[in-house]
N, C-alpha and C. Protein backbone atom coordinates (compact mmCIF):
# COMPACT_ATOMS: atom_id res chain seq x y z
N MET A 1 -62.36 -29.69 38.15
CA MET A 1 -62.08 -28.36 37.72
C MET A 1 -63.06 -27.43 37.97
N PHE A 2 -62.51 -25.99 38.76
CA PHE A 2 -63.46 -25.14 38.84
C PHE A 2 -63.74 -24.19 37.51
N LYS A 3 -64.69 -24.19 37.27
CA LYS A 3 -65.05 -23.15 35.84
C LYS A 3 -65.08 -21.69 36.43
N ARG A 4 -64.27 -20.87 35.97
CA ARG A 4 -63.95 -19.25 35.99
C ARG A 4 -65.15 -18.74 35.49
N THR A 5 -65.87 -18.07 36.71
CA THR A 5 -67.07 -17.05 36.49
C THR A 5 -66.69 -15.78 35.83
N LYS A 6 -67.30 -15.59 34.63
CA LYS A 6 -66.75 -14.18 33.99
C LYS A 6 -67.08 -13.10 34.82
N ARG A 7 -66.47 -12.21 34.95
CA ARG A 7 -66.77 -10.84 35.60
C ARG A 7 -67.19 -9.86 34.81
N LEU A 8 -68.48 -9.72 34.73
CA LEU A 8 -69.31 -8.86 33.89
C LEU A 8 -68.92 -7.36 34.34
N PRO A 9 -68.97 -6.48 33.50
CA PRO A 9 -68.92 -4.78 33.53
C PRO A 9 -69.93 -4.65 34.20
N ARG A 10 -69.66 -3.23 35.24
CA ARG A 10 -70.81 -2.87 35.96
C ARG A 10 -71.42 -1.61 35.21
N ILE A 11 -72.83 -1.49 35.44
CA ILE A 11 -73.45 -0.13 34.84
C ILE A 11 -74.16 0.51 35.81
N LEU A 12 -74.03 1.92 36.13
CA LEU A 12 -74.75 2.34 37.28
C LEU A 12 -75.84 3.12 36.47
N LEU A 13 -77.01 3.17 36.95
CA LEU A 13 -78.16 3.95 36.40
C LEU A 13 -78.63 5.04 37.92
N ILE A 14 -78.64 5.98 37.59
CA ILE A 14 -78.82 7.21 38.54
C ILE A 14 -80.19 8.01 37.88
N GLY A 15 -81.25 7.99 38.82
CA GLY A 15 -82.49 8.81 38.17
C GLY A 15 -83.57 8.81 39.15
N ASP A 16 -84.53 9.41 38.62
CA ASP A 16 -85.82 9.46 39.52
C ASP A 16 -86.73 8.10 39.31
N SER A 17 -87.98 8.26 39.63
CA SER A 17 -88.98 7.04 39.66
C SER A 17 -88.95 6.38 38.39
N ILE A 18 -89.09 7.59 37.25
CA ILE A 18 -88.87 6.67 35.96
C ILE A 18 -87.72 5.86 35.76
N ARG A 19 -86.74 6.07 36.04
CA ARG A 19 -85.64 5.05 35.97
C ARG A 19 -85.93 3.88 36.83
N MET A 20 -86.50 4.23 38.06
CA MET A 20 -86.95 3.07 38.86
C MET A 20 -87.84 2.06 38.36
N ARG A 21 -88.56 2.54 37.25
CA ARG A 21 -89.39 1.55 36.73
C ARG A 21 -89.02 0.92 35.60
N TYR A 22 -87.66 1.44 34.88
CA TYR A 22 -87.29 0.67 33.56
C TYR A 22 -86.05 0.00 34.09
N ALA A 23 -85.33 0.24 34.91
CA ALA A 23 -84.32 -0.39 35.48
C ALA A 23 -84.32 -1.51 35.79
N PRO A 24 -85.20 -2.66 36.01
CA PRO A 24 -85.34 -3.94 36.18
C PRO A 24 -85.39 -4.59 34.89
N LEU A 25 -86.18 -3.62 33.93
CA LEU A 25 -86.04 -4.39 32.54
C LEU A 25 -84.59 -4.30 31.94
N VAL A 26 -83.89 -3.14 32.17
CA VAL A 26 -82.69 -2.97 31.68
C VAL A 26 -81.75 -4.30 32.06
N ALA A 27 -81.77 -4.17 33.45
CA ALA A 27 -80.95 -5.28 34.22
C ALA A 27 -81.12 -6.59 33.44
N LYS A 28 -82.39 -7.09 33.14
CA LYS A 28 -82.77 -8.47 32.99
C LYS A 28 -82.17 -8.32 31.13
N SER A 29 -82.52 -7.03 30.30
CA SER A 29 -81.89 -7.26 29.11
C SER A 29 -80.49 -7.47 28.97
N LEU A 30 -80.05 -6.89 29.88
CA LEU A 30 -78.03 -6.85 29.86
C LEU A 30 -77.62 -7.83 30.47
N GLU A 31 -78.12 -8.86 31.18
CA GLU A 31 -77.68 -9.87 32.30
C GLU A 31 -76.62 -10.43 31.53
N ASP A 32 -76.88 -10.70 30.05
CA ASP A 32 -75.57 -11.45 29.21
C ASP A 32 -74.43 -10.49 29.21
N VAL A 33 -74.41 -9.44 29.75
CA VAL A 33 -73.21 -8.77 29.23
C VAL A 33 -72.90 -7.81 30.25
N ALA A 34 -73.71 -7.34 31.25
CA ALA A 34 -73.45 -6.46 32.21
C ALA A 34 -73.92 -6.68 33.42
N LYS A 35 -73.57 -6.25 34.46
CA LYS A 35 -74.30 -6.26 35.89
C LYS A 35 -74.54 -5.00 36.21
N VAL A 36 -75.89 -4.65 35.95
CA VAL A 36 -76.64 -3.33 35.99
C VAL A 36 -76.85 -3.13 37.77
N VAL A 37 -76.36 -2.10 38.08
CA VAL A 37 -76.49 -1.48 39.73
C VAL A 37 -77.69 -0.85 39.91
N VAL A 38 -78.83 -1.28 40.47
CA VAL A 38 -79.99 -0.75 40.54
C VAL A 38 -79.90 -0.18 41.96
N ILE A 39 -80.02 1.31 41.94
CA ILE A 39 -80.57 2.10 43.27
C ILE A 39 -81.81 1.86 43.71
N LYS A 40 -82.29 1.46 44.89
CA LYS A 40 -83.55 1.10 45.25
C LYS A 40 -84.06 2.63 45.32
N GLU A 41 -83.64 3.59 45.58
CA GLU A 41 -84.31 4.82 46.11
C GLU A 41 -84.63 5.73 44.94
N ASN A 42 -85.53 6.71 45.19
CA ASN A 42 -85.73 7.58 43.92
C ASN A 42 -84.65 8.83 44.29
N CYS A 43 -83.91 9.20 43.24
CA CYS A 43 -82.79 10.06 43.23
C CYS A 43 -83.45 11.25 43.00
N GLU A 44 -84.59 11.53 42.54
CA GLU A 44 -85.12 12.99 42.63
C GLU A 44 -84.57 13.97 41.99
N ASP A 45 -84.34 15.07 42.43
CA ASP A 45 -83.81 16.48 41.87
C ASP A 45 -82.29 16.50 42.04
N SER A 46 -82.14 17.45 41.24
CA SER A 46 -80.24 17.61 40.96
C SER A 46 -79.62 17.76 42.32
N ALA A 47 -80.18 18.35 43.29
CA ALA A 47 -79.74 18.65 44.34
C ALA A 47 -79.52 17.66 45.48
N LYS A 48 -80.22 16.55 45.39
CA LYS A 48 -80.73 15.09 46.11
C LYS A 48 -79.15 14.51 45.37
N VAL A 49 -79.09 14.30 43.96
CA VAL A 49 -78.21 13.82 43.21
C VAL A 49 -76.85 14.26 43.55
N LEU A 50 -76.77 15.57 43.77
CA LEU A 50 -75.44 15.87 44.16
C LEU A 50 -74.79 15.58 45.40
N ALA A 51 -75.77 15.54 46.66
CA ALA A 51 -75.62 15.15 48.00
C ALA A 51 -75.25 13.96 48.01
N ASN A 52 -75.71 13.10 47.11
CA ASN A 52 -75.84 11.84 47.63
C ASN A 52 -74.89 10.67 46.44
N VAL A 53 -74.28 11.32 45.45
CA VAL A 53 -73.30 11.02 44.57
C VAL A 53 -72.13 9.83 44.75
N HIS A 54 -71.79 10.34 45.85
CA HIS A 54 -70.65 9.46 46.43
C HIS A 54 -71.03 8.11 46.86
N LYS A 55 -72.23 8.20 47.70
CA LYS A 55 -72.94 7.04 48.25
C LYS A 55 -73.33 5.98 47.27
N TRP A 56 -73.95 6.68 46.16
CA TRP A 56 -74.03 5.68 44.97
C TRP A 56 -73.21 5.24 44.24
N LEU A 57 -72.27 6.03 44.10
CA LEU A 57 -70.83 5.48 43.56
C LEU A 57 -70.63 4.03 44.18
N ARG A 58 -70.82 3.98 45.36
CA ARG A 58 -70.20 3.01 46.55
C ARG A 58 -71.03 1.75 46.28
N LYS A 59 -72.39 2.20 45.88
CA LYS A 59 -73.25 0.91 45.78
C LYS A 59 -72.88 0.06 44.65
N ALA A 60 -72.28 0.82 43.60
CA ALA A 60 -71.67 -0.05 42.55
C ALA A 60 -70.67 -1.38 42.95
N GLY A 61 -70.35 -1.17 44.20
CA GLY A 61 -69.50 -2.22 44.60
C GLY A 61 -67.78 -1.87 44.20
N PRO A 62 -67.27 -2.85 44.89
CA PRO A 62 -65.61 -2.64 44.85
C PRO A 62 -65.19 -2.42 43.48
N ASP A 63 -65.73 -3.14 41.89
CA ASP A 63 -65.35 -3.09 40.57
C ASP A 63 -65.98 -1.33 40.24
N GLN A 64 -65.29 -0.84 39.51
CA GLN A 64 -65.48 0.49 38.95
C GLN A 64 -66.76 0.21 37.95
N PRO A 65 -67.88 1.39 37.89
CA PRO A 65 -68.67 0.92 36.83
C PRO A 65 -68.07 1.33 35.35
N ARG A 66 -68.52 0.49 34.43
CA ARG A 66 -67.86 0.80 33.22
C ARG A 66 -68.63 2.27 32.57
N VAL A 67 -69.96 2.07 33.10
CA VAL A 67 -70.81 3.24 32.33
C VAL A 67 -71.80 3.76 33.53
N ILE A 68 -71.95 5.13 33.77
CA ILE A 68 -72.96 5.70 34.33
C ILE A 68 -74.23 6.29 33.71
N HIS A 69 -75.11 5.81 33.51
CA HIS A 69 -75.88 6.61 32.72
C HIS A 69 -77.07 7.12 33.82
N PHE A 70 -77.18 8.58 33.68
CA PHE A 70 -77.40 9.48 34.83
C PHE A 70 -78.67 10.70 34.14
N ASN A 71 -79.81 10.76 35.09
CA ASN A 71 -80.56 11.90 34.65
C ASN A 71 -81.11 12.40 35.80
N SER A 72 -81.64 13.73 35.93
CA SER A 72 -82.36 14.37 36.92
C SER A 72 -83.17 15.44 36.01
N GLY A 73 -84.30 15.92 36.56
CA GLY A 73 -85.22 16.92 35.68
C GLY A 73 -86.43 17.01 36.31
N LEU A 74 -87.04 15.82 36.39
CA LEU A 74 -88.91 15.98 36.59
C LEU A 74 -89.01 16.47 38.11
N HIS A 75 -87.96 16.26 38.96
CA HIS A 75 -88.37 16.96 40.48
C HIS A 75 -87.74 18.32 40.52
N ASP A 76 -87.14 18.61 39.54
CA ASP A 76 -86.37 20.06 39.30
C ASP A 76 -87.42 21.20 38.82
N VAL A 77 -88.26 20.38 38.07
CA VAL A 77 -89.20 21.52 37.58
C VAL A 77 -90.48 21.62 38.49
N LYS A 78 -90.88 20.77 39.18
CA LYS A 78 -91.95 20.70 39.98
C LYS A 78 -92.61 22.34 40.62
N ARG A 79 -93.39 22.61 40.76
CA ARG A 79 -94.12 23.84 41.11
C ARG A 79 -95.24 23.90 41.97
N ALA A 80 -95.62 24.16 43.08
CA ALA A 80 -96.46 24.24 43.73
C ALA A 80 -97.76 25.14 42.95
N TYR A 81 -99.00 24.48 43.23
CA TYR A 81 -99.88 25.16 42.29
C TYR A 81 -100.03 26.75 42.23
N GLY A 82 -99.93 27.18 41.19
CA GLY A 82 -100.26 28.82 41.15
C GLY A 82 -98.86 29.34 41.27
N SER A 83 -97.88 28.76 41.49
CA SER A 83 -96.39 28.99 41.93
C SER A 83 -95.70 29.36 40.40
N GLU A 84 -94.85 30.53 40.54
CA GLU A 84 -93.67 30.67 39.50
C GLU A 84 -92.55 30.03 39.65
N ARG A 85 -92.01 29.46 40.91
CA ARG A 85 -90.90 28.91 41.60
C ARG A 85 -90.86 27.51 41.26
N ARG A 86 -89.55 26.97 40.66
CA ARG A 86 -89.45 25.80 40.21
C ARG A 86 -88.66 25.14 41.67
N GLN A 87 -88.94 23.78 41.71
CA GLN A 87 -88.00 23.21 42.97
C GLN A 87 -86.66 23.71 42.81
N GLN A 88 -85.88 23.64 41.73
CA GLN A 88 -84.73 24.23 41.38
C GLN A 88 -84.92 24.84 40.30
N PRO A 89 -84.13 26.39 40.52
CA PRO A 89 -84.12 26.99 39.32
C PRO A 89 -83.45 26.64 38.36
N PRO A 90 -83.45 27.09 37.20
CA PRO A 90 -82.67 27.02 35.97
C PRO A 90 -81.42 26.90 36.33
N GLU A 91 -80.72 28.21 36.86
CA GLU A 91 -79.39 28.34 37.43
C GLU A 91 -78.67 27.23 38.35
N ALA A 92 -79.52 27.24 39.07
CA ALA A 92 -79.15 25.93 39.97
C ALA A 92 -79.20 24.57 39.67
N TYR A 93 -80.31 24.17 38.71
CA TYR A 93 -80.25 23.04 37.99
C TYR A 93 -78.95 22.69 37.43
N VAL A 94 -78.44 23.69 36.55
CA VAL A 94 -77.21 23.63 35.84
C VAL A 94 -75.87 23.29 36.46
N ASP A 95 -75.91 24.48 37.23
CA ASP A 95 -74.81 24.27 38.45
C ASP A 95 -74.77 22.80 39.26
N ASN A 96 -75.83 22.31 39.68
CA ASN A 96 -75.58 21.07 40.10
C ASN A 96 -75.39 19.93 39.43
N LEU A 97 -75.86 20.12 38.52
CA LEU A 97 -75.28 19.01 37.05
C LEU A 97 -73.94 19.06 36.79
N ARG A 98 -73.37 20.08 36.64
CA ARG A 98 -71.96 20.43 36.74
C ARG A 98 -71.12 19.91 37.65
N ARG A 99 -71.58 20.08 38.66
CA ARG A 99 -71.12 19.51 39.81
C ARG A 99 -71.02 18.02 40.10
N VAL A 100 -72.30 17.50 39.75
CA VAL A 100 -72.41 16.10 39.71
C VAL A 100 -71.59 15.37 38.66
N VAL A 101 -71.58 16.15 37.31
CA VAL A 101 -70.46 15.55 36.66
C VAL A 101 -69.17 15.49 37.27
N ALA A 102 -68.65 16.42 37.80
CA ALA A 102 -67.29 16.85 38.17
C ALA A 102 -66.94 15.68 39.22
N ALA A 103 -68.15 15.17 40.15
CA ALA A 103 -68.10 14.11 41.10
C ALA A 103 -67.77 13.05 40.50
N LEU A 104 -68.81 12.55 39.55
CA LEU A 104 -68.47 11.40 38.81
C LEU A 104 -67.20 11.02 38.23
N ARG A 105 -66.74 11.90 37.51
CA ARG A 105 -65.51 12.10 37.01
C ARG A 105 -64.28 11.78 38.09
N ALA A 106 -64.19 12.50 39.03
CA ALA A 106 -63.56 12.39 40.30
C ALA A 106 -63.53 10.95 40.86
N GLY A 107 -64.84 10.41 41.15
CA GLY A 107 -65.06 9.28 41.63
C GLY A 107 -64.92 8.00 41.13
N SER A 108 -64.92 8.17 39.51
CA SER A 108 -64.93 6.73 38.89
C SER A 108 -64.25 7.22 37.46
N GLY A 109 -63.72 6.02 36.71
CA GLY A 109 -63.44 6.12 35.35
C GLY A 109 -64.53 5.76 34.34
N ALA A 110 -65.58 5.92 34.89
CA ALA A 110 -66.67 5.37 33.89
C ALA A 110 -66.95 6.29 32.66
N ARG A 111 -67.44 5.77 31.77
CA ARG A 111 -67.99 6.50 30.87
C ARG A 111 -69.58 7.04 31.09
N LEU A 112 -69.65 8.50 30.98
CA LEU A 112 -70.89 8.82 31.47
C LEU A 112 -71.97 8.94 30.43
N VAL A 113 -73.02 8.87 30.49
CA VAL A 113 -74.00 9.23 29.61
C VAL A 113 -75.29 10.02 30.33
N TRP A 114 -75.78 10.98 29.72
CA TRP A 114 -76.85 12.00 30.33
C TRP A 114 -78.09 11.48 29.37
N ALA A 115 -79.33 11.12 30.23
CA ALA A 115 -80.44 10.97 29.43
C ALA A 115 -81.50 11.87 29.72
N THR A 116 -82.03 12.15 28.92
CA THR A 116 -83.27 13.39 28.67
C THR A 116 -84.08 12.99 29.70
N THR A 117 -84.98 13.99 30.00
CA THR A 117 -86.11 14.10 31.19
C THR A 117 -87.45 13.70 30.11
N THR A 118 -88.00 12.95 30.53
CA THR A 118 -89.21 12.42 29.56
C THR A 118 -90.47 13.35 29.83
N PRO A 119 -91.28 13.24 28.78
CA PRO A 119 -92.24 14.24 28.96
C PRO A 119 -93.32 14.12 30.01
N VAL A 120 -94.08 15.35 30.18
CA VAL A 120 -95.33 15.04 30.93
C VAL A 120 -96.41 15.27 30.24
N ILE A 121 -97.81 15.27 30.51
CA ILE A 121 -98.97 15.57 29.93
C ILE A 121 -99.62 16.28 31.07
N PHE A 122 -99.89 17.41 31.15
CA PHE A 122 -100.12 18.43 32.15
C PHE A 122 -101.37 18.13 32.51
N GLN A 123 -102.68 17.90 31.65
CA GLN A 123 -103.94 18.04 32.27
C GLN A 123 -103.95 16.65 33.11
N ARG A 124 -103.21 15.73 32.62
CA ARG A 124 -103.42 14.29 33.52
C ARG A 124 -102.75 14.64 35.04
N HIS A 125 -101.80 15.34 34.86
CA HIS A 125 -100.84 15.18 36.31
C HIS A 125 -101.66 16.24 37.18
N HIS A 126 -102.04 17.58 36.65
CA HIS A 126 -102.58 18.58 37.46
C HIS A 126 -104.04 17.62 38.05
N ALA A 127 -104.73 16.50 37.30
CA ALA A 127 -105.80 16.08 37.90
C ALA A 127 -105.42 15.37 38.92
N LYS A 128 -104.20 14.71 39.04
CA LYS A 128 -103.83 13.55 39.93
C LYS A 128 -102.67 13.86 41.05
N LYS A 129 -101.98 14.98 40.71
CA LYS A 129 -100.91 15.10 41.60
C LYS A 129 -101.23 16.73 42.67
N GLY A 130 -100.68 16.61 43.28
CA GLY A 130 -100.86 17.78 44.39
C GLY A 130 -99.90 19.27 44.21
N PHE A 131 -99.27 19.21 42.87
CA PHE A 131 -98.18 19.99 42.49
C PHE A 131 -98.50 19.90 40.89
N ASP A 132 -97.87 21.21 40.17
CA ASP A 132 -97.63 20.78 38.92
C ASP A 132 -96.16 20.37 38.16
N ARG A 133 -96.44 19.88 37.14
CA ARG A 133 -95.31 20.06 36.07
C ARG A 133 -95.58 20.43 34.83
N PHE A 134 -94.85 21.56 33.85
CA PHE A 134 -95.26 21.62 32.80
C PHE A 134 -94.51 21.37 31.56
N GLU A 135 -94.90 20.84 30.56
CA GLU A 135 -94.12 20.14 29.40
C GLU A 135 -93.01 21.48 29.24
N GLU A 136 -93.69 22.67 29.00
CA GLU A 136 -92.28 23.81 28.74
C GLU A 136 -91.42 23.81 29.62
N ASP A 137 -91.57 23.55 30.70
CA ASP A 137 -90.34 23.38 32.08
C ASP A 137 -89.34 22.24 31.57
N VAL A 138 -90.18 21.24 31.17
CA VAL A 138 -89.06 20.04 30.89
C VAL A 138 -88.27 20.39 29.81
N MET A 139 -89.13 20.97 28.62
CA MET A 139 -88.25 21.15 27.44
C MET A 139 -87.14 22.16 27.75
N GLU A 140 -87.68 23.32 28.34
CA GLU A 140 -86.41 24.34 28.83
C GLU A 140 -85.29 23.94 29.78
N TYR A 141 -85.58 23.00 30.67
CA TYR A 141 -84.32 22.39 31.24
C TYR A 141 -83.57 20.96 30.65
N ASN A 142 -84.27 20.27 29.60
CA ASN A 142 -83.67 19.71 28.58
C ASN A 142 -82.92 20.30 27.93
N ARG A 143 -83.19 21.44 27.34
CA ARG A 143 -82.09 22.60 26.55
C ARG A 143 -81.07 22.88 27.15
N ALA A 144 -81.28 23.38 28.56
CA ALA A 144 -80.31 23.71 29.43
C ALA A 144 -79.25 22.27 29.63
N ALA A 145 -79.65 21.30 30.04
CA ALA A 145 -78.84 20.06 30.26
C ALA A 145 -78.31 19.79 28.96
N LEU A 146 -78.71 19.64 27.98
CA LEU A 146 -78.00 19.32 26.67
C LEU A 146 -76.74 20.02 26.24
N ALA A 147 -77.32 21.50 26.46
CA ALA A 147 -76.00 22.49 26.35
C ALA A 147 -74.99 22.28 27.24
N LEU A 148 -74.99 22.05 28.39
CA LEU A 148 -74.04 21.51 29.58
C LEU A 148 -73.42 20.27 29.00
N MET A 149 -74.22 19.26 28.56
CA MET A 149 -73.27 18.04 28.27
C MET A 149 -72.85 18.18 26.85
N GLU A 150 -73.06 18.90 26.17
CA GLU A 150 -72.67 19.27 24.97
C GLU A 150 -70.96 19.97 25.32
N GLU A 151 -70.91 21.03 26.19
CA GLU A 151 -69.54 21.66 26.42
C GLU A 151 -68.80 20.74 27.28
N LEU A 152 -69.45 19.73 28.01
CA LEU A 152 -68.69 18.73 28.95
C LEU A 152 -68.50 17.35 27.91
N GLN A 153 -68.58 17.34 26.90
CA GLN A 153 -68.39 16.39 25.88
C GLN A 153 -69.07 15.09 26.43
N ILE A 154 -70.18 14.93 27.05
CA ILE A 154 -71.02 13.66 27.39
C ILE A 154 -71.97 13.44 26.39
N PRO A 155 -72.10 12.55 26.06
CA PRO A 155 -73.21 11.85 25.09
C PRO A 155 -74.66 11.74 25.80
N VAL A 156 -75.63 11.70 25.02
CA VAL A 156 -77.04 11.83 25.63
C VAL A 156 -77.95 10.86 24.97
N ASP A 157 -78.32 10.06 25.67
CA ASP A 157 -79.47 9.23 25.57
C ASP A 157 -80.80 10.04 25.66
N ASP A 158 -81.40 10.00 24.38
CA ASP A 158 -82.58 10.95 24.29
C ASP A 158 -83.96 10.39 24.48
N LEU A 159 -84.18 10.14 26.16
CA LEU A 159 -85.34 9.33 26.52
C LEU A 159 -86.59 10.43 26.26
N TYR A 160 -86.68 11.38 26.13
CA TYR A 160 -87.76 12.23 25.81
C TYR A 160 -88.34 12.12 24.29
N GLY A 161 -87.33 11.95 23.48
CA GLY A 161 -87.54 11.44 21.91
C GLY A 161 -87.91 10.24 21.65
N VAL A 162 -87.68 9.27 22.61
CA VAL A 162 -88.19 7.92 22.71
C VAL A 162 -89.71 8.00 22.95
N ILE A 163 -89.82 8.86 23.96
CA ILE A 163 -91.57 8.99 24.60
C ILE A 163 -92.29 9.46 23.16
N MET A 164 -91.79 10.55 22.78
CA MET A 164 -92.55 11.47 21.78
C MET A 164 -92.61 10.58 20.64
N ARG A 165 -91.67 9.96 19.89
CA ARG A 165 -91.94 9.29 18.70
C ARG A 165 -93.00 7.98 18.76
N HIS A 166 -92.70 7.48 20.40
CA HIS A 166 -93.65 6.30 20.70
C HIS A 166 -95.07 6.70 20.81
N GLY A 167 -95.23 7.89 20.89
CA GLY A 167 -96.46 8.45 21.19
C GLY A 167 -96.80 8.49 22.63
N LYS A 168 -96.67 9.85 23.34
CA LYS A 168 -97.03 10.24 24.66
C LYS A 168 -98.07 9.87 25.31
N GLU A 169 -99.09 10.07 24.63
CA GLU A 169 -100.44 10.01 24.92
C GLU A 169 -100.72 8.12 25.25
N ARG A 170 -99.95 7.41 24.87
CA ARG A 170 -99.98 6.05 24.90
C ARG A 170 -98.97 5.65 25.85
N ALA A 171 -97.68 5.99 25.94
CA ALA A 171 -96.77 5.80 26.53
C ALA A 171 -96.84 6.51 28.29
N ILE A 172 -97.50 7.39 28.46
CA ILE A 172 -97.46 8.02 29.65
C ILE A 172 -98.95 7.69 30.33
N GLY A 173 -98.99 7.18 31.52
CA GLY A 173 -100.04 6.97 32.30
C GLY A 173 -101.12 7.93 32.62
N GLU A 174 -102.00 7.54 33.79
CA GLU A 174 -102.80 8.08 33.90
C GLU A 174 -102.55 9.53 34.99
N ASP A 175 -101.36 9.34 35.49
CA ASP A 175 -100.95 10.64 36.35
C ASP A 175 -100.14 11.82 35.34
N GLY A 176 -99.93 11.46 34.38
CA GLY A 176 -99.48 12.42 33.28
C GLY A 176 -97.78 12.41 33.45
N VAL A 177 -97.26 11.68 34.21
CA VAL A 177 -95.70 11.76 34.36
C VAL A 177 -95.12 10.30 34.39
N HIS A 178 -95.88 9.35 34.95
CA HIS A 178 -95.25 7.95 35.03
C HIS A 178 -95.57 6.92 33.85
N MET A 179 -94.66 5.97 33.54
CA MET A 179 -95.14 5.61 31.89
C MET A 179 -95.99 4.37 32.48
N THR A 180 -96.91 4.00 31.04
CA THR A 180 -97.52 2.82 30.99
C THR A 180 -96.38 1.41 30.92
N ASP A 181 -97.12 0.53 31.16
CA ASP A 181 -96.34 -0.87 30.87
C ASP A 181 -95.47 -0.69 29.43
N GLU A 182 -96.40 -0.24 28.42
CA GLU A 182 -95.97 0.17 27.27
C GLU A 182 -94.67 0.82 27.15
N GLY A 183 -95.02 2.39 27.69
CA GLY A 183 -94.04 2.95 28.07
C GLY A 183 -92.56 2.70 28.41
N ASN A 184 -92.84 2.13 29.76
CA ASN A 184 -91.42 1.50 30.18
C ASN A 184 -90.85 0.23 29.43
N ARG A 185 -91.44 -0.37 28.82
CA ARG A 185 -90.76 -1.10 27.83
C ARG A 185 -90.21 -0.17 26.81
N ALA A 186 -90.75 0.86 26.08
CA ALA A 186 -90.20 1.73 25.27
C ALA A 186 -88.65 2.19 25.69
N LEU A 187 -88.96 2.49 26.73
CA LEU A 187 -87.64 3.02 27.60
C LEU A 187 -86.50 2.23 27.94
N ALA A 188 -87.08 0.66 28.61
CA ALA A 188 -86.04 -0.20 28.54
C ALA A 188 -85.10 -0.70 27.37
N ASP A 189 -86.43 -0.56 26.40
CA ASP A 189 -85.43 -0.91 25.26
C ASP A 189 -84.65 -0.02 24.75
N ALA A 190 -84.81 1.15 24.60
CA ALA A 190 -83.67 2.19 24.02
C ALA A 190 -82.70 2.27 25.14
N VAL A 191 -82.79 2.48 26.56
CA VAL A 191 -81.62 2.37 27.18
C VAL A 191 -80.79 1.23 26.92
N SER A 192 -81.46 -0.03 26.96
CA SER A 192 -80.77 -1.23 26.91
C SER A 192 -79.63 -1.25 25.31
N ALA A 193 -80.37 -0.81 24.58
CA ALA A 193 -79.91 -0.63 23.25
C ALA A 193 -78.57 0.34 23.43
N TYR A 194 -78.86 1.25 24.01
CA TYR A 194 -77.73 2.63 23.94
C TYR A 194 -76.73 2.02 24.82
N LEU A 195 -76.87 1.58 26.18
CA LEU A 195 -75.87 0.85 26.81
C LEU A 195 -74.82 -0.48 26.20
N ARG A 196 -75.52 -1.19 25.38
CA ARG A 196 -74.96 -2.26 24.71
C ARG A 196 -73.93 -1.56 23.89
N GLY A 197 -74.40 -0.40 23.33
CA GLY A 197 -73.49 0.55 22.42
C GLY A 197 -72.27 0.80 23.30
N CYS A 198 -72.26 0.96 24.54
CA CYS A 198 -71.16 1.66 25.27
C CYS A 198 -70.15 0.63 25.87
N LEU A 199 -70.50 -0.81 25.62
CA LEU A 199 -69.70 -1.77 26.30
C LEU A 199 -68.74 -2.34 25.51
């Protein structure tokens, strides 16, 4: 007699390289309750997410995802050295996110969860990268995204708060933006716990 294999609900994670580093840990943590779909490419800024959202929905496979946990922000706030211009101005960022939400809702029946953008440490970042990211920009874009998600009635997984409570000096690595192993584990634990509550 064949044993019937339980079809686990699917969770789709959309986000930048921060997400890329914690996603495998989340997939492992939730393997008993869900199939976590890991997009291998960096989802980068909100314009790229908008341009690719339908392709990434298809990556979830024939079964609709139960939950979509998504974020964009760290690439949106990038500035060339000495420039006042961010990669995506705040108005464009909010408009892109609004359109991303519309596309996700039209393309799936999934529960949507927004994740706030994680902090940066300017001095480390400036010394290691060929462009700047400022903590005040991260905070501004998080506030704008949070206002939009409140308007659209989308719950929020506050990953910015996770890293601040953990201690960003310990959680963020030498490049001022990516997490240490400790930071990745803190994010994975938080995301896993939040997503378990969504299933």
